[in-house]
Amino acid sequence: MKQKSLTLFRQTKRFVIKRKKWVIAAVGIAILVPISLMVISYMVINPYSKYILSEHDSQSARVGLVLGSGVTKDGKLYKELQGRLDVAARELEAGRVDVLLLSGDNRFKNYDEPTAMINYLVNEKHIAKDRLQADFAGRSTFESCDRAAHVFNLKKAIIISGESHLPRAIYLCRHMGIEAYGVPSFVEANNSSRREAQARVKALLNIHVLGEPTIGGSMINLDQ
């Protein structure tokens, strides 16, 4: 009986040790895989920052693509979106772009980024409405770039967005066949660094693995 108890104890101990090793290995994988993906996505996407323009660059395009970043239910702009629109108006008036494509989320009845963007540019910046084109199905950066290429037929564009966001946006648009450059607004969301790290992993997976469902539509040849 004593020998049986000792054997059972040893078997139980080995099982516990083995199980502990598997748990440690699983936890290690769970930690290392996301970190590795973030590092890889940074290495792949960050080099696209070379396409970010300074005010002295002569690069121009017919269309400036402004990416939405949030409005309140009553249509008030988040600070980062207002910053993007201020820069977009400046680029339009300076002649670097001729038309603004305002791409944002309007999947819910009481949430309408593109209309809020148009209202701000028309009422506050006194931009003629015929120089503004809304994209009401830009629910993500991937979808905005996809629709810019396949619905609005863009071959070249200057993207106006936050500086941390631009490498990812340029990366996505260039993979959609758009010769994309960026102009930064320098107004960032409070959680932009953490959000961007996660979003770059998603962008990499979208392009090379999963894709993302995009709403189609009738062709609008904006780049003419």
C-alpha atoms as a PDB file:
ATOM      1  CA  MET A   1       0.000   0.000   0.000  1.00  0.00           C
ATOM      2  CA  LYS A   2       2.825   2.343   0.896  1.00  0.00           C
ATOM      3  CA  GLN A   3       4.571   1.566  -2.416  1.00  0.00           C
ATOM      4  CA  LYS A   4       1.363   2.233  -4.363  1.00  0.00           C
ATOM      5  CA  SER A   5       0.856   5.556  -2.600  1.00  0.00           C
ATOM      6  CA  LEU A   6       4.434   6.575  -3.351  1.00  0.00           C
ATOM      7  CA  THR A   7       4.012   5.633  -7.037  1.00  0.00           C
ATOM      8  CA  LEU A   8       0.754   7.559  -7.264  1.00  0.00           C
ATOM      9  CA  PHE A   9       2.413  10.565  -5.628  1.00  0.00           C
ATOM     10  CA  ARG A  10       5.283  10.474  -8.115  1.00  0.00           C
ATOM     11  CA  GLN A  11       2.919  10.144 -11.077  1.00  0.00           C
ATOM     12  CA  THR A  12       0.825  13.047  -9.823  1.00  0.00           C
ATOM     13  CA  LYS A  13       3.942  15.160  -9.298  1.00  0.00           C
ATOM     14  CA  ARG A  14       5.173  14.418 -12.837  1.00  0.00           C
ATOM     15  CA  PHE A  15       1.739  15.287 -14.233  1.00  0.00           C
ATOM     16  CA  VAL A  16       1.643  18.589 -12.332  1.00  0.00           C
ATOM     17  CA  ILE A  17       5.159  19.494 -13.471  1.00  0.00           C
ATOM     18  CA  LYS A  18       4.365  18.587 -17.080  1.00  0.00           C
ATOM     19  CA  ARG A  19       1.118  20.520 -16.986  1.00  0.00           C
ATOM     20  CA  LYS A  20       2.905  23.520 -15.470  1.00  0.00           C
ATOM     21  CA  LYS A  21       5.424  23.475 -18.323  1.00  0.00           C
ATOM     22  CA  TRP A  22       2.627  23.422 -20.894  1.00  0.00           C
ATOM     23  CA  VAL A  23       0.887  26.331 -19.148  1.00  0.00           C
ATOM     24  CA  ILE A  24       4.132  28.324 -19.092  1.00  0.00           C
ATOM     25  CA  ALA A  25       4.723  27.534 -22.779  1.00  0.00           C
ATOM     26  CA  ALA A  26       1.162  28.561 -23.689  1.00  0.00           C
ATOM     27  CA  VAL A  27       1.451  31.818 -21.756  1.00  0.00           C
ATOM     28  CA  GLY A  28       4.804  32.507 -23.414  1.00  0.00           C
ATOM     29  CA  ILE A  29       3.326  31.966 -26.862  1.00  0.00           C
ATOM     30  CA  ALA A  30       0.317  34.127 -26.019  1.00  0.00           C
ATOM     31  CA  ILE A  31       2.665  36.952 -25.056  1.00  0.00           C
ATOM     32  CA  LEU A  32       5.319  36.540 -27.750  1.00  0.00           C
ATOM     33  CA  VAL A  33       3.047  36.162 -30.791  1.00  0.00           C
ATOM     34  CA  PRO A  34       1.294  39.569 -30.434  1.00  0.00           C
ATOM     35  CA  ILE A  35       4.600  41.273 -29.639  1.00  0.00           C
ATOM     36  CA  SER A  36       6.243  39.637 -32.660  1.00  0.00           C
ATOM     37  CA  LEU A  37       3.388  40.707 -34.918  1.00  0.00           C
ATOM     38  CA  MET A  38       3.659  44.282 -33.653  1.00  0.00           C
ATOM     39  CA  VAL A  39       7.405  44.329 -34.298  1.00  0.00           C
ATOM     40  CA  ILE A  40       6.960  42.884 -37.800  1.00  0.00           C
ATOM     41  CA  SER A  41       4.151  45.306 -38.650  1.00  0.00           C
ATOM     42  CA  TYR A  42       6.291  48.218 -37.477  1.00  0.00           C
ATOM     43  CA  MET A  43       9.217  47.048 -39.614  1.00  0.00           C
ATOM     44  CA  VAL A  44       6.989  46.638 -42.684  1.00  0.00           C
ATOM     45  CA  ILE A  45       4.842  49.771 -42.378  1.00  0.00           C
ATOM     46  CA  ASN A  46       7.099  52.392 -40.796  1.00  0.00           C
ATOM     47  CA  PRO A  47       9.306  52.769 -43.921  1.00  0.00           C
ATOM     48  CA  TYR A  48       6.263  54.230 -45.694  1.00  0.00           C
ATOM     49  CA  SER A  49       6.855  57.370 -43.644  1.00  0.00           C
ATOM     50  CA  LYS A  50       9.280  58.341 -46.437  1.00  0.00           C
ATOM     51  CA  TYR A  51       6.201  59.322 -48.448  1.00  0.00           C
ATOM     52  CA  ILE A  52       5.134  61.936 -45.885  1.00  0.00           C
ATOM     53  CA  LEU A  53       5.590  65.374 -47.419  1.00  0.00           C
ATOM     54  CA  SER A  54       6.925  68.534 -45.866  1.00  0.00           C
ATOM     55  CA  GLU A  55       5.554  71.977 -46.702  1.00  0.00           C
ATOM     56  CA  HIS A  56       8.504  72.489 -49.060  1.00  0.00           C
ATOM     57  CA  ASP A  57       7.857  69.377 -51.189  1.00  0.00           C
ATOM     58  CA  SER A  58       6.531  70.090 -54.671  1.00  0.00           C
ATOM     59  CA  GLN A  59       4.547  66.862 -54.912  1.00  0.00           C
ATOM     60  CA  SER A  60       0.876  67.440 -55.791  1.00  0.00           C
ATOM     61  CA  ALA A  61      -2.208  65.453 -56.759  1.00  0.00           C
ATOM     62  CA  ARG A  62      -5.690  66.210 -57.993  1.00  0.00           C
ATOM     63  CA  VAL A  63      -7.305  64.562 -54.962  1.00  0.00           C
ATOM     64  CA  GLY A  64      -6.638  64.962 -51.267  1.00  0.00           C
ATOM     65  CA  LEU A  65      -8.009  62.057 -49.234  1.00  0.00           C
ATOM     66  CA  VAL A  66      -9.108  63.088 -45.734  1.00  0.00           C
ATOM     67  CA  LEU A  67      -9.717  60.180 -43.367  1.00  0.00           C
ATOM     68  CA  GLY A  68     -12.379  60.484 -40.686  1.00  0.00           C
ATOM     69  CA  SER A  69     -11.513  60.118 -37.022  1.00  0.00           C
ATOM     70  CA  GLY A  70     -14.671  60.693 -35.053  1.00  0.00           C
ATOM     71  CA  VAL A  71     -17.602  63.034 -34.471  1.00  0.00           C
ATOM     72  CA  THR A  72     -20.177  63.318 -31.710  1.00  0.00           C
ATOM     73  CA  LYS A  73     -23.818  62.381 -32.286  1.00  0.00           C
ATOM     74  CA  ASP A  74     -24.673  66.041 -32.868  1.00  0.00           C
ATOM     75  CA  GLY A  75     -21.986  66.347 -35.545  1.00  0.00           C
ATOM     76  CA  LYS A  76     -19.241  68.063 -33.543  1.00  0.00           C
ATOM     77  CA  LEU A  77     -15.763  67.149 -34.757  1.00  0.00           C
ATOM     78  CA  TYR A  78     -13.205  65.425 -32.565  1.00  0.00           C
ATOM     79  CA  LYS A  79     -10.054  67.511 -32.236  1.00  0.00           C
ATOM     80  CA  GLU A  80      -7.976  65.192 -34.429  1.00  0.00           C
ATOM     81  CA  LEU A  81     -10.540  65.346 -37.247  1.00  0.00           C
ATOM     82  CA  GLN A  82     -10.727  69.131 -37.051  1.00  0.00           C
ATOM     83  CA  GLY A  83      -6.921  69.209 -37.264  1.00  0.00           C
ATOM     84  CA  ARG A  84      -7.015  67.082 -40.417  1.00  0.00           C
ATOM     85  CA  LEU A  85      -9.638  69.309 -42.027  1.00  0.00           C
ATOM     86  CA  ASP A  86      -7.712  72.477 -41.180  1.00  0.00           C
ATOM     87  CA  VAL A  87      -4.676  71.050 -42.982  1.00  0.00           C
ATOM     88  CA  ALA A  88      -6.832  69.826 -45.876  1.00  0.00           C
ATOM     89  CA  ALA A  89      -8.288  73.307 -46.356  1.00  0.00           C
ATOM     90  CA  ARG A  90      -4.792  74.758 -46.343  1.00  0.00           C
ATOM     91  CA  GLU A  91      -3.569  72.254 -48.937  1.00  0.00           C
ATOM     92  CA  LEU A  92      -6.591  72.962 -51.120  1.00  0.00           C
ATOM     93  CA  GLU A  93      -6.090  76.708 -50.968  1.00  0.00           C
ATOM     94  CA  ALA A  94      -2.353  76.327 -51.629  1.00  0.00           C
ATOM     95  CA  GLY A  95      -3.086  74.353 -54.800  1.00  0.00           C
ATOM     96  CA  ARG A  96      -1.411  71.095 -53.798  1.00  0.00           C
ATOM     97  CA  VAL A  97      -4.771  69.360 -54.301  1.00  0.00           C
ATOM     98  CA  ASP A  98      -7.845  70.390 -56.295  1.00  0.00           C
ATOM     99  CA  VAL A  99     -10.559  68.260 -54.701  1.00  0.00           C
ATOM    100  CA  LEU A 100     -11.037  66.715 -51.267  1.00  0.00           C
ATOM    101  CA  LEU A 101     -12.404  63.193 -50.853  1.00  0.00           C
ATOM    102  CA  LEU A 102     -13.868  63.086 -47.333  1.00  0.00           C
ATOM    103  CA  SER A 103     -13.995  59.460 -46.271  1.00  0.00           C
ATOM    104  CA  GLY A 104     -15.738  58.515 -43.051  1.00  0.00           C
ATOM    105  CA  ASP A 105     -18.214  56.328 -41.237  1.00  0.00           C
ATOM    106  CA  ASN A 106     -21.968  56.639 -41.745  1.00  0.00           C
ATOM    107  CA  ARG A 107     -23.138  53.130 -40.935  1.00  0.00           C
ATOM    108  CA  PHE A 108     -25.613  54.416 -38.330  1.00  0.00           C
ATOM    109  CA  LYS A 109     -28.390  56.939 -38.862  1.00  0.00           C
ATOM    110  CA  ASN A 110     -27.212  59.242 -36.066  1.00  0.00           C
ATOM    111  CA  TYR A 111     -23.504  59.004 -36.890  1.00  0.00           C
ATOM    112  CA  ASP A 112     -22.300  60.809 -40.017  1.00  0.00           C
ATOM    113  CA  GLU A 113     -18.645  61.768 -40.309  1.00  0.00           C
ATOM    114  CA  PRO A 114     -18.604  62.887 -43.984  1.00  0.00           C
ATOM    115  CA  THR A 115     -21.500  65.315 -43.599  1.00  0.00           C
ATOM    116  CA  ALA A 116     -19.912  66.831 -40.483  1.00  0.00           C
ATOM    117  CA  MET A 117     -16.656  67.193 -42.442  1.00  0.00           C
ATOM    118  CA  ILE A 118     -18.404  68.949 -45.328  1.00  0.00           C
ATOM    119  CA  ASN A 119     -20.303  71.268 -42.981  1.00  0.00           C
ATOM    120  CA  TYR A 120     -17.094  72.303 -41.237  1.00  0.00           C
ATOM    121  CA  LEU A 121     -15.196  72.985 -44.465  1.00  0.00           C
ATOM    122  CA  VAL A 122     -18.080  74.916 -46.038  1.00  0.00           C
ATOM    123  CA  ASN A 123     -19.211  76.892 -42.984  1.00  0.00           C
ATOM    124  CA  GLU A 124     -15.917  77.440 -41.161  1.00  0.00           C
ATOM    125  CA  LYS A 125     -13.308  77.303 -43.916  1.00  0.00           C
ATOM    126  CA  HIS A 126     -15.487  78.709 -46.726  1.00  0.00           C
ATOM    127  CA  ILE A 127     -14.551  75.951 -49.173  1.00  0.00           C
ATOM    128  CA  ALA A 128     -16.814  75.661 -52.223  1.00  0.00           C
ATOM    129  CA  LYS A 129     -18.995  72.569 -51.946  1.00  0.00           C
ATOM    130  CA  ASP A 130     -18.230  71.499 -55.515  1.00  0.00           C
ATOM    131  CA  ARG A 131     -14.634  70.870 -54.443  1.00  0.00           C
ATOM    132  CA  LEU A 132     -15.736  68.329 -51.847  1.00  0.00           C
ATOM    133  CA  GLN A 133     -16.721  64.704 -52.418  1.00  0.00           C
ATOM    134  CA  ALA A 134     -18.127  62.599 -49.593  1.00  0.00           C
ATOM    135  CA  ASP A 135     -17.430  58.904 -49.150  1.00  0.00           C
ATOM    136  CA  PHE A 136     -20.040  57.636 -46.709  1.00  0.00           C
ATOM    137  CA  ALA A 137     -18.658  54.086 -46.471  1.00  0.00           C
ATOM    138  CA  GLY A 138     -15.107  54.725 -45.263  1.00  0.00           C
ATOM    139  CA  ARG A 139     -15.633  52.757 -42.071  1.00  0.00           C
ATOM    140  CA  SER A 140     -11.939  51.958 -41.670  1.00  0.00           C
ATOM    141  CA  THR A 141      -8.649  53.019 -43.230  1.00  0.00           C
ATOM    142  CA  PHE A 142      -8.599  49.806 -45.255  1.00  0.00           C
ATOM    143  CA  GLU A 143     -12.085  50.483 -46.621  1.00  0.00           C
ATOM    144  CA  SER A 144     -11.308  54.148 -47.320  1.00  0.00           C
ATOM    145  CA  CYS A 145      -8.272  53.166 -49.391  1.00  0.00           C
ATOM    146  CA  ASP A 146     -10.083  50.299 -51.088  1.00  0.00           C
ATOM    147  CA  ARG A 147     -12.998  52.522 -52.092  1.00  0.00           C
ATOM    148  CA  ALA A 148     -10.661  55.351 -53.120  1.00  0.00           C
ATOM    149  CA  ALA A 149      -9.059  52.941 -55.585  1.00  0.00           C
ATOM    150  CA  HIS A 150     -12.057  50.949 -56.785  1.00  0.00           C
ATOM    151  CA  VAL A 151     -15.034  53.295 -56.411  1.00  0.00           C
ATOM    152  CA  PHE A 152     -13.431  56.717 -56.900  1.00  0.00           C
ATOM    153  CA  ASN A 153     -10.793  55.419 -59.342  1.00  0.00           C
ATOM    154  CA  LEU A 154      -7.858  57.204 -57.723  1.00  0.00           C
ATOM    155  CA  LYS A 155      -4.424  56.561 -59.216  1.00  0.00           C
ATOM    156  CA  LYS A 156      -2.675  59.165 -57.098  1.00  0.00           C
ATOM    157  CA  ALA A 157      -3.656  60.918 -53.882  1.00  0.00           C
ATOM    158  CA  ILE A 158      -2.337  62.960 -51.008  1.00  0.00           C
ATOM    159  CA  ILE A 159      -3.664  61.638 -47.706  1.00  0.00           C
ATOM    160  CA  ILE A 160      -4.295  64.103 -44.897  1.00  0.00           C
ATOM    161  CA  SER A 161      -4.276  62.506 -41.454  1.00  0.00           C
ATOM    162  CA  GLY A 162      -2.456  62.333 -38.136  1.00  0.00           C
ATOM    163  CA  GLU A 163       1.294  61.839 -38.413  1.00  0.00           C
ATOM    164  CA  SER A 164       1.252  58.491 -36.579  1.00  0.00           C
ATOM    165  CA  HIS A 165      -1.549  57.247 -38.843  1.00  0.00           C
ATOM    166  CA  LEU A 166      -0.030  58.215 -42.187  1.00  0.00           C
ATOM    167  CA  PRO A 167       2.493  55.369 -42.693  1.00  0.00           C
ATOM    168  CA  ARG A 168      -0.319  52.815 -42.311  1.00  0.00           C
ATOM    169  CA  ALA A 169      -2.711  54.752 -44.547  1.00  0.00           C
ATOM    170  CA  ILE A 170      -0.041  55.184 -47.230  1.00  0.00           C
ATOM    171  CA  TYR A 171       0.889  51.487 -46.965  1.00  0.00           C
ATOM    172  CA  LEU A 172      -2.735  50.425 -47.451  1.00  0.00           C
ATOM    173  CA  CYS A 173      -3.455  52.829 -50.314  1.00  0.00           C
ATOM    174  CA  ARG A 174      -0.264  51.902 -52.168  1.00  0.00           C
ATOM    175  CA  HIS A 175      -1.212  48.242 -51.894  1.00  0.00           C
ATOM    176  CA  MET A 176      -4.542  49.197 -53.480  1.00  0.00           C
ATOM    177  CA  GLY A 177      -2.676  50.647 -56.478  1.00  0.00           C
ATOM    178  CA  ILE A 178      -2.762  54.327 -55.476  1.00  0.00           C
ATOM    179  CA  GLU A 179       0.425  56.398 -55.650  1.00  0.00           C
ATOM    180  CA  ALA A 180      -0.139  57.789 -52.180  1.00  0.00           C
ATOM    181  CA  TYR A 181       1.669  60.506 -50.248  1.00  0.00           C
ATOM    182  CA  GLY A 182       0.786  62.063 -46.915  1.00  0.00           C
ATOM    183  CA  VAL A 183       0.525  65.439 -45.225  1.00  0.00           C
ATOM    184  CA  PRO A 184       0.378  65.318 -41.417  1.00  0.00           C
ATOM    185  CA  SER A 185      -1.999  67.279 -39.216  1.00  0.00           C
ATOM    186  CA  PHE A 186       0.106  66.859 -36.026  1.00  0.00           C
ATOM    187  CA  VAL A 187      -3.090  66.571 -33.952  1.00  0.00           C
ATOM    188  CA  GLU A 188      -3.254  63.117 -32.387  1.00  0.00           C
ATOM    189  CA  ALA A 189      -5.782  61.256 -30.265  1.00  0.00           C
ATOM    190  CA  ASN A 190      -4.779  60.650 -26.653  1.00  0.00           C
ATOM    191  CA  ASN A 191      -4.440  56.880 -27.228  1.00  0.00           C
ATOM    192  CA  SER A 192      -2.960  57.111 -30.729  1.00  0.00           C
ATOM    193  CA  SER A 193       0.281  55.221 -29.985  1.00  0.00           C
ATOM    194  CA  ARG A 194      -1.435  52.169 -28.483  1.00  0.00           C
ATOM    195  CA  ARG A 195      -4.199  52.179 -31.079  1.00  0.00           C
ATOM    196  CA  GLU A 196      -1.771  52.522 -33.982  1.00  0.00           C
ATOM    197  CA  ALA A 197       0.364  49.596 -32.793  1.00  0.00           C
ATOM    198  CA  GLN A 198      -2.698  47.341 -32.872  1.00  0.00           C
ATOM    199  CA  ALA A 199      -4.026  48.807 -36.127  1.00  0.00           C
ATOM    200  CA  ARG A 200      -0.752  48.123 -37.961  1.00  0.00           C
ATOM    201  CA  VAL A 201      -1.025  44.418 -37.138  1.00  0.00           C
ATOM    202  CA  LYS A 202      -4.578  44.445 -38.495  1.00  0.00           C
ATOM    203  CA  ALA A 203      -3.427  46.259 -41.665  1.00  0.00           C
ATOM    204  CA  LEU A 204      -0.756  43.641 -42.292  1.00  0.00           C
ATOM    205  CA  LEU A 205      -3.262  40.814 -41.830  1.00  0.00           C
ATOM    206  CA  ASN A 206      -5.817  42.597 -44.044  1.00  0.00           C
ATOM    207  CA  ILE A 207      -3.379  42.920 -46.934  1.00  0.00           C
ATOM    208  CA  HIS A 208      -1.670  39.543 -46.724  1.00  0.00           C
ATOM    209  CA  VAL A 209      -4.121  37.172 -45.011  1.00  0.00           C
ATOM    210  CA  LEU A 210      -7.730  38.111 -44.292  1.00  0.00           C
ATOM    211  CA  GLY A 211      -8.831  41.122 -46.304  1.00  0.00           C
ATOM    212  CA  GLU A 212     -11.837  43.093 -45.110  1.00  0.00           C
ATOM    213  CA  PRO A 213     -15.358  43.384 -46.563  1.00  0.00           C
ATOM    214  CA  THR A 214     -15.777  46.720 -48.330  1.00  0.00           C
ATOM    215  CA  ILE A 215     -18.993  48.307 -49.567  1.00  0.00           C
ATOM    216  CA  GLY A 216     -18.911  48.779 -53.334  1.00  0.00           C
ATOM    217  CA  GLY A 217     -20.800  51.300 -55.432  1.00  0.00           C
ATOM    218  CA  SER A 218     -21.133  52.984 -58.803  1.00  0.00           C
ATOM    219  CA  MET A 219     -17.840  54.274 -60.195  1.00  0.00           C
ATOM    220  CA  ILE A 220     -17.107  57.959 -59.652  1.00  0.00           C
ATOM    221  CA  ASN A 221     -14.052  59.010 -61.644  1.00  0.00           C
ATOM    222  CA  LEU A 222     -12.769  61.586 -59.214  1.00  0.00           C
ATOM    223  CA  ASP A 223      -9.160  61.551 -60.407  1.00  0.00           C
ATOM    224  CA  GLN A 224      -9.809  63.354 -63.712  1.00  0.00           C
END
